[in-house]
Structures are given as C-alpha cells and as structure tokens.
N, C-alpha and C. Protein backbone atom coordinates (compact mmCIF):
# COMPACT_ATOMS: atom_id res chain seq x y z
N ASP A 1 14.05 -27.57 -1.54
CA ASP A 1 14.54 -26.37 -1.59
C ASP A 1 13.56 -25.48 -1.66
N VAL A 2 13.65 -24.32 -1.02
CA VAL A 2 12.60 -23.22 -1.14
C VAL A 2 13.32 -22.17 -2.24
N GLN A 3 12.40 -21.93 -3.22
CA GLN A 3 12.67 -21.08 -4.18
C GLN A 3 11.62 -20.17 -4.74
N LEU A 4 12.02 -19.00 -5.04
CA LEU A 4 11.13 -17.93 -5.82
C LEU A 4 11.76 -17.74 -7.26
N GLN A 5 10.98 -17.91 -8.27
CA GLN A 5 11.42 -17.49 -9.46
C GLN A 5 10.66 -16.56 -10.19
N ALA A 6 11.17 -15.39 -10.32
CA ALA A 6 10.47 -14.29 -11.22
C ALA A 6 10.97 -14.43 -12.66
N SER A 7 9.97 -14.29 -13.47
CA SER A 7 10.27 -14.35 -15.04
C SER A 7 9.21 -13.41 -15.82
N GLY A 8 9.55 -13.08 -17.03
CA GLY A 8 8.65 -12.45 -17.82
C GLY A 8 8.91 -11.04 -18.15
N GLY A 9 10.08 -10.54 -17.72
CA GLY A 9 10.54 -9.24 -18.09
C GLY A 9 11.29 -9.31 -19.40
N GLY A 10 11.46 -7.88 -20.00
CA GLY A 10 11.83 -7.87 -21.42
C GLY A 10 11.81 -6.30 -21.73
N LEU A 11 11.96 -5.98 -23.04
CA LEU A 11 11.83 -4.72 -23.59
C LEU A 11 10.69 -4.32 -24.11
N VAL A 12 10.01 -3.27 -23.67
CA VAL A 12 8.82 -2.84 -24.32
C VAL A 12 8.85 -1.41 -24.35
N GLN A 13 8.03 -0.83 -25.38
CA GLN A 13 7.89 0.55 -25.57
C GLN A 13 6.86 1.29 -24.56
N ALA A 14 7.30 2.49 -24.39
CA ALA A 14 6.47 3.21 -23.39
C ALA A 14 4.92 3.11 -23.80
N GLY A 15 4.03 2.93 -22.84
CA GLY A 15 2.61 2.60 -23.14
C GLY A 15 2.30 1.23 -23.14
N GLY A 16 3.33 0.33 -23.29
CA GLY A 16 2.98 -0.96 -23.46
C GLY A 16 2.79 -1.69 -22.27
N SER A 17 2.73 -3.10 -22.27
CA SER A 17 2.26 -4.03 -21.16
C SER A 17 3.32 -5.21 -20.95
N LEU A 18 3.57 -5.69 -19.76
CA LEU A 18 4.19 -6.81 -19.68
C LEU A 18 3.68 -7.55 -18.43
N ARG A 19 3.66 -8.80 -18.37
CA ARG A 19 3.20 -9.58 -17.14
C ARG A 19 4.40 -10.26 -16.71
N LEU A 20 4.69 -10.19 -15.42
CA LEU A 20 5.80 -10.75 -14.75
C LEU A 20 5.11 -11.92 -13.86
N SER A 21 5.82 -13.06 -13.99
CA SER A 21 5.33 -14.25 -13.16
C SER A 21 6.31 -14.49 -11.91
N CYS A 22 5.79 -14.98 -10.86
CA CYS A 22 6.58 -15.33 -9.59
C CYS A 22 6.18 -16.60 -9.22
N ALA A 23 6.96 -17.69 -9.41
CA ALA A 23 6.50 -19.20 -9.07
C ALA A 23 7.32 -19.53 -7.94
N ALA A 24 6.64 -20.14 -7.00
CA ALA A 24 7.23 -20.62 -5.69
C ALA A 24 7.35 -22.17 -5.73
N SER A 25 8.49 -22.51 -5.12
CA SER A 25 8.65 -23.97 -4.97
C SER A 25 9.22 -24.20 -3.48
N GLY A 26 8.85 -25.21 -2.92
CA GLY A 26 9.09 -25.79 -1.64
C GLY A 26 8.35 -24.99 -0.54
N PHE A 27 7.48 -24.04 -0.91
CA PHE A 27 6.50 -23.50 -0.06
C PHE A 27 5.36 -23.05 -0.88
N THR A 28 4.35 -22.52 -0.22
CA THR A 28 3.24 -22.14 -0.92
C THR A 28 2.71 -20.67 -0.73
N PHE A 29 2.12 -19.98 -1.37
CA PHE A 29 1.73 -18.51 -1.20
C PHE A 29 0.52 -18.64 -0.35
N ASP A 30 0.07 -19.82 0.00
CA ASP A 30 -1.06 -19.80 1.20
C ASP A 30 -0.70 -19.35 2.35
N ASP A 31 0.57 -19.56 2.60
CA ASP A 31 1.22 -19.26 3.76
C ASP A 31 2.14 -17.92 3.82
N TYR A 32 1.96 -17.19 2.83
CA TYR A 32 2.96 -15.82 2.80
C TYR A 32 2.23 -14.77 2.09
N ALA A 33 2.47 -13.63 2.35
CA ALA A 33 2.14 -12.51 1.49
C ALA A 33 3.17 -12.42 0.38
N VAL A 34 2.81 -11.58 -0.60
CA VAL A 34 3.76 -11.76 -1.78
C VAL A 34 3.98 -10.24 -2.19
N ALA A 35 5.30 -9.82 -2.21
CA ALA A 35 5.72 -8.60 -2.38
C ALA A 35 6.43 -8.39 -3.79
N TRP A 36 6.35 -7.34 -4.39
CA TRP A 36 7.14 -7.09 -5.62
C TRP A 36 8.10 -5.84 -5.29
N TYR A 37 9.42 -5.87 -5.49
CA TYR A 37 10.33 -4.71 -5.59
C TYR A 37 10.86 -4.47 -6.73
N ARG A 38 11.48 -3.49 -7.04
CA ARG A 38 12.14 -3.12 -8.11
C ARG A 38 13.35 -2.29 -7.61
N GLN A 39 14.43 -2.36 -8.52
CA GLN A 39 15.62 -1.57 -8.44
C GLN A 39 16.11 -1.15 -9.67
N ALA A 40 16.10 0.32 -9.85
CA ALA A 40 16.61 0.96 -11.07
C ALA A 40 18.02 1.21 -10.77
N PRO A 41 18.85 1.38 -11.93
CA PRO A 41 20.19 1.57 -11.90
C PRO A 41 20.60 2.91 -11.01
N GLY A 42 21.51 2.57 -10.10
CA GLY A 42 21.73 3.88 -9.26
C GLY A 42 20.83 4.13 -8.32
N LYS A 43 19.77 3.45 -8.20
CA LYS A 43 18.77 3.79 -7.16
C LYS A 43 18.65 2.74 -6.05
N LYS A 44 18.01 3.01 -4.94
CA LYS A 44 17.57 2.18 -3.94
C LYS A 44 16.63 1.18 -4.41
N ARG A 45 16.47 -0.06 -4.01
CA ARG A 45 15.48 -0.98 -4.08
C ARG A 45 14.25 -0.38 -3.53
N GLU A 46 13.19 -0.35 -4.19
CA GLU A 46 11.84 0.02 -3.63
C GLU A 46 10.75 -0.99 -3.79
N LEU A 47 10.00 -0.94 -2.74
CA LEU A 47 8.70 -1.93 -2.67
C LEU A 47 7.56 -1.17 -3.44
N ILE A 48 7.06 -2.01 -4.40
CA ILE A 48 5.98 -1.37 -5.12
C ILE A 48 4.57 -2.07 -4.97
N THR A 49 4.57 -3.19 -4.58
CA THR A 49 3.27 -3.83 -4.01
C THR A 49 3.39 -4.82 -3.12
N CYS A 50 2.30 -5.07 -2.33
CA CYS A 50 2.35 -6.15 -1.40
C CYS A 50 0.92 -6.74 -1.41
N ASN A 51 0.70 -7.97 -1.71
CA ASN A 51 -0.72 -8.47 -1.60
C ASN A 51 -0.61 -9.78 -0.77
N ASP A 52 -1.83 -10.08 0.08
CA ASP A 52 -1.96 -11.02 0.96
C ASP A 52 -3.15 -11.79 0.42
N PHE A 53 -3.10 -12.89 -0.36
CA PHE A 53 -4.06 -13.58 -0.78
C PHE A 53 -4.98 -14.50 0.20
N ARG A 54 -4.34 -14.43 1.38
CA ARG A 54 -5.14 -15.15 2.38
C ARG A 54 -6.36 -14.34 2.83
N GLY A 55 -6.33 -12.96 2.59
CA GLY A 55 -7.47 -12.18 2.77
C GLY A 55 -7.52 -11.36 1.64
N SER A 56 -7.82 -10.21 1.51
CA SER A 56 -7.85 -9.44 0.34
C SER A 56 -7.07 -8.33 0.56
N GLU A 57 -5.96 -8.26 1.30
CA GLU A 57 -5.25 -7.00 1.40
C GLU A 57 -4.29 -6.83 0.10
N SER A 58 -4.29 -5.54 -0.24
CA SER A 58 -3.62 -5.34 -1.40
C SER A 58 -3.13 -3.92 -1.36
N ASN A 59 -1.77 -3.65 -1.48
CA ASN A 59 -1.09 -2.34 -1.36
C ASN A 59 -0.43 -2.15 -2.46
N TYR A 60 -0.35 -0.91 -3.03
CA TYR A 60 0.33 -0.39 -4.22
C TYR A 60 0.95 0.91 -4.00
N GLU A 61 2.22 1.00 -4.35
CA GLU A 61 2.97 2.25 -4.25
C GLU A 61 2.33 3.17 -5.29
N ASP A 62 2.40 4.43 -4.79
CA ASP A 62 1.59 5.59 -5.68
C ASP A 62 1.93 5.41 -7.10
N SER A 63 3.15 5.58 -7.47
CA SER A 63 3.74 5.54 -8.82
C SER A 63 3.30 4.36 -9.79
N VAL A 64 2.73 3.27 -9.15
CA VAL A 64 2.24 2.36 -9.86
C VAL A 64 0.60 1.95 -9.67
N LYS A 65 0.05 2.63 -8.79
CA LYS A 65 -1.25 2.52 -8.62
C LYS A 65 -2.21 2.75 -9.78
N GLY A 66 -3.05 1.94 -10.25
CA GLY A 66 -3.86 1.92 -11.31
C GLY A 66 -3.20 1.44 -12.52
N ARG A 67 -2.00 1.25 -12.59
CA ARG A 67 -1.34 0.60 -13.75
C ARG A 67 -0.93 -0.77 -13.65
N PHE A 68 -0.39 -1.10 -12.27
CA PHE A 68 0.04 -2.58 -12.05
C PHE A 68 -1.07 -3.25 -11.29
N THR A 69 -1.17 -4.30 -11.50
CA THR A 69 -2.23 -5.42 -10.64
C THR A 69 -1.70 -6.66 -10.46
N VAL A 70 -1.72 -7.06 -9.38
CA VAL A 70 -1.20 -8.46 -8.73
C VAL A 70 -2.35 -9.53 -8.82
N SER A 71 -2.07 -10.61 -9.47
CA SER A 71 -3.18 -11.71 -9.32
C SER A 71 -2.47 -12.95 -8.92
N ARG A 72 -3.20 -13.90 -8.67
CA ARG A 72 -2.68 -15.33 -8.22
C ARG A 72 -3.49 -16.44 -8.90
N ASP A 73 -2.78 -17.36 -9.60
CA ASP A 73 -3.32 -18.60 -10.13
C ASP A 73 -2.99 -19.68 -8.92
N ASN A 74 -4.22 -20.00 -8.42
CA ASN A 74 -4.15 -20.99 -7.37
C ASN A 74 -3.81 -22.43 -7.81
N ALA A 75 -4.00 -22.63 -9.16
CA ALA A 75 -3.77 -24.05 -9.60
C ALA A 75 -2.24 -24.23 -9.71
N ASP A 76 -1.46 -23.32 -10.05
CA ASP A 76 0.04 -23.48 -10.06
C ASP A 76 0.68 -22.64 -9.18
N ASP A 77 0.16 -22.18 -8.31
CA ASP A 77 0.73 -21.23 -7.17
C ASP A 77 1.63 -20.21 -7.96
N THR A 78 1.18 -19.50 -8.75
CA THR A 78 2.03 -18.52 -9.43
C THR A 78 1.44 -17.24 -9.00
N VAL A 79 2.13 -16.06 -8.94
CA VAL A 79 1.57 -15.03 -8.79
C VAL A 79 2.20 -14.02 -10.10
N TYR A 80 1.22 -13.14 -10.37
CA TYR A 80 1.56 -12.50 -11.58
C TYR A 80 1.41 -10.90 -11.34
N LEU A 81 2.30 -10.20 -11.94
CA LEU A 81 2.23 -8.81 -11.77
C LEU A 81 1.86 -8.07 -13.21
N GLN A 82 0.87 -7.82 -13.44
CA GLN A 82 0.46 -7.24 -14.88
C GLN A 82 0.77 -5.60 -14.80
N MET A 83 1.68 -5.40 -15.62
CA MET A 83 2.13 -3.89 -15.74
C MET A 83 1.62 -3.39 -17.08
N ASN A 84 0.57 -2.29 -16.95
CA ASN A 84 0.08 -1.58 -18.08
C ASN A 84 0.75 -0.14 -18.09
N SER A 85 0.40 0.37 -19.39
CA SER A 85 0.91 1.95 -19.32
C SER A 85 2.16 2.01 -18.91
N LEU A 86 3.20 1.26 -19.37
CA LEU A 86 4.50 1.21 -18.81
C LEU A 86 5.22 2.57 -19.35
N LYS A 87 6.16 3.27 -18.29
CA LYS A 87 6.82 4.34 -18.42
C LYS A 87 8.32 4.11 -18.55
N PRO A 88 9.18 4.91 -19.20
CA PRO A 88 10.61 4.78 -19.01
C PRO A 88 11.17 4.57 -17.56
N GLU A 89 10.38 5.29 -16.66
CA GLU A 89 10.93 5.29 -15.17
C GLU A 89 10.53 4.07 -14.51
N ASP A 90 9.77 3.10 -15.26
CA ASP A 90 9.52 1.82 -14.83
C ASP A 90 10.67 0.83 -14.96
N THR A 91 11.55 1.32 -15.67
CA THR A 91 12.74 0.46 -16.09
C THR A 91 13.65 0.13 -14.78
N ALA A 92 13.73 -1.16 -14.47
CA ALA A 92 14.40 -1.65 -13.40
C ALA A 92 14.46 -3.17 -13.34
N VAL A 93 15.14 -3.82 -12.42
CA VAL A 93 15.14 -5.24 -12.34
C VAL A 93 14.04 -5.33 -11.08
N TYR A 94 13.12 -6.20 -11.48
CA TYR A 94 12.08 -6.65 -10.54
C TYR A 94 12.10 -7.86 -9.86
N HIS A 95 12.02 -7.99 -8.70
CA HIS A 95 11.95 -9.05 -7.77
C HIS A 95 10.85 -9.40 -7.03
N CYS A 96 10.27 -10.50 -7.03
CA CYS A 96 9.19 -11.19 -6.11
C CYS A 96 9.84 -11.34 -4.84
N ALA A 97 9.05 -11.29 -3.59
CA ALA A 97 9.54 -11.73 -2.43
C ALA A 97 8.33 -12.41 -1.52
N ALA A 98 8.54 -13.22 -0.63
CA ALA A 98 7.56 -13.74 0.30
C ALA A 98 7.81 -13.24 1.73
N ALA A 99 6.84 -12.80 2.46
CA ALA A 99 6.88 -12.39 3.60
C ALA A 99 5.76 -12.96 4.63
N LEU A 100 5.86 -12.96 5.85
CA LEU A 100 4.72 -13.65 6.74
C LEU A 100 3.45 -12.67 6.51
N SER A 101 3.72 -11.49 6.26
CA SER A 101 2.56 -10.66 6.03
C SER A 101 2.96 -9.32 5.51
N CYS A 102 2.19 -8.51 4.96
CA CYS A 102 2.48 -7.31 4.37
C CYS A 102 2.98 -6.28 5.22
N PHE A 103 2.42 -6.38 6.59
CA PHE A 103 2.95 -5.51 7.55
C PHE A 103 4.50 -5.78 7.83
N MET A 104 5.06 -6.77 7.52
CA MET A 104 6.47 -7.10 7.69
C MET A 104 7.30 -6.36 6.49
N VAL A 105 6.78 -5.90 5.46
CA VAL A 105 7.52 -5.34 4.50
C VAL A 105 7.07 -3.70 4.19
N LEU A 106 5.76 -3.45 4.78
CA LEU A 106 5.39 -1.96 4.55
C LEU A 106 6.17 -1.19 5.56
N ASN A 107 6.07 0.12 5.19
CA ASN A 107 6.72 1.18 6.17
C ASN A 107 8.18 0.94 6.38
N GLY A 108 8.83 0.51 5.38
CA GLY A 108 10.19 0.32 5.53
C GLY A 108 10.72 -0.95 6.29
N HIS A 109 9.85 -1.63 6.65
CA HIS A 109 10.32 -2.98 7.48
C HIS A 109 11.19 -3.89 6.74
N ASN A 110 10.65 -4.06 5.44
CA ASN A 110 11.31 -5.13 4.60
C ASN A 110 11.84 -6.36 5.04
N ARG A 111 10.82 -6.99 5.95
CA ARG A 111 11.38 -8.14 6.45
C ARG A 111 10.97 -9.46 5.74
N VAL A 112 11.64 -9.68 4.68
CA VAL A 112 11.29 -10.82 3.63
C VAL A 112 11.81 -12.01 4.13
N ASP A 113 11.06 -13.08 4.05
CA ASP A 113 11.64 -14.55 4.25
C ASP A 113 12.25 -15.00 2.95
N TYR A 114 11.72 -14.81 1.73
CA TYR A 114 12.29 -15.39 0.64
C TYR A 114 12.31 -14.49 -0.48
N TRP A 115 13.44 -14.41 -1.13
CA TRP A 115 13.67 -13.45 -2.22
C TRP A 115 13.77 -14.40 -3.54
N GLY A 116 13.25 -13.81 -4.60
CA GLY A 116 13.32 -14.29 -5.90
C GLY A 116 14.31 -13.81 -6.80
N GLN A 117 14.87 -14.58 -7.71
CA GLN A 117 15.77 -13.87 -8.58
C GLN A 117 15.05 -12.75 -9.42
N GLY A 118 15.77 -11.80 -9.82
CA GLY A 118 15.16 -10.65 -10.46
C GLY A 118 15.00 -10.79 -11.90
N THR A 119 13.97 -10.28 -12.51
CA THR A 119 13.93 -10.00 -13.99
C THR A 119 13.92 -8.60 -14.44
N GLN A 120 14.62 -8.37 -15.63
CA GLN A 120 14.86 -7.09 -16.04
C GLN A 120 13.64 -6.59 -17.01
N VAL A 121 13.06 -5.46 -16.48
CA VAL A 121 12.12 -4.79 -17.36
C VAL A 121 12.69 -3.57 -17.90
N THR A 122 12.73 -3.34 -19.36
CA THR A 122 13.25 -2.14 -19.84
C THR A 122 12.14 -1.52 -20.61
N VAL A 123 11.78 -0.12 -20.35
CA VAL A 123 10.87 0.51 -21.07
C VAL A 123 11.50 1.69 -21.77
N SER A 124 11.37 1.52 -23.17
CA SER A 124 11.96 2.57 -24.05
C SER A 124 10.96 3.61 -24.47
N SER A 125 11.50 4.96 -24.68
CA SER A 125 10.70 6.14 -24.81
C SER A 125 10.29 6.16 -26.27
C-alpha cells in the first residue's frame, strides 16, 4: 500500500520551533517532489513549500520563507519540515503530499498524487 504519514505536530509558544516528519511507504521520494500544505480553521488549504530532491528545486511561500526549511533523510526516506520562529498565524493542520513535480502543484495546479494524514500545529501567543 502507498502511504504518506505526517507527524511531529504539537503545541508551541510563539517564537518556538517544531519539526514535522513525512514518511513514505510503498513508494520513494526518489520519484516524487514533496509538498507541504496547511489548512487553518475556516481557511482554504494553502501550499507552503514544494521541494524536488531529484534536483535542487526548492519553493517556499512568502509567509514561511526564511523560517521554514525542508530537508530529506535519504537513509529512511523521510522528509522534514523544520519550522522556526513560529507565529500564531502558523496554527493549522499540516499535510505532506507527493507529486510528479513541483510544477504540478505550484500556481494553483495542486495536482497531487499522494496525500499524507495531517498533523496539528498550534502556536500560542
């Protein structure tokens, strides 16, 4: 079975950090770009990053640029979203997703092949 599992969410104070993990099973990130989305209560789901580790493509939405960083552990095929300097407006359910390329998800396309279960991030002021 193909699965994506996001984990690592929690409650943190403003200015703090969290690291989310996205683990793949049934496929490998060697074949897909990895995107992170988030959805805050009452708001639309938004794409915040897309990274393609087959090259060095890296895309970050302006609100997280400079604070969030995506990396990959090749040994266990896990992708990490390091979130620093967290703000209350970062509060949302975060999902990882796999797509054939970042082009497939950027510019509103959102053509995702696999979705991961979300993980809640709550930032208190």
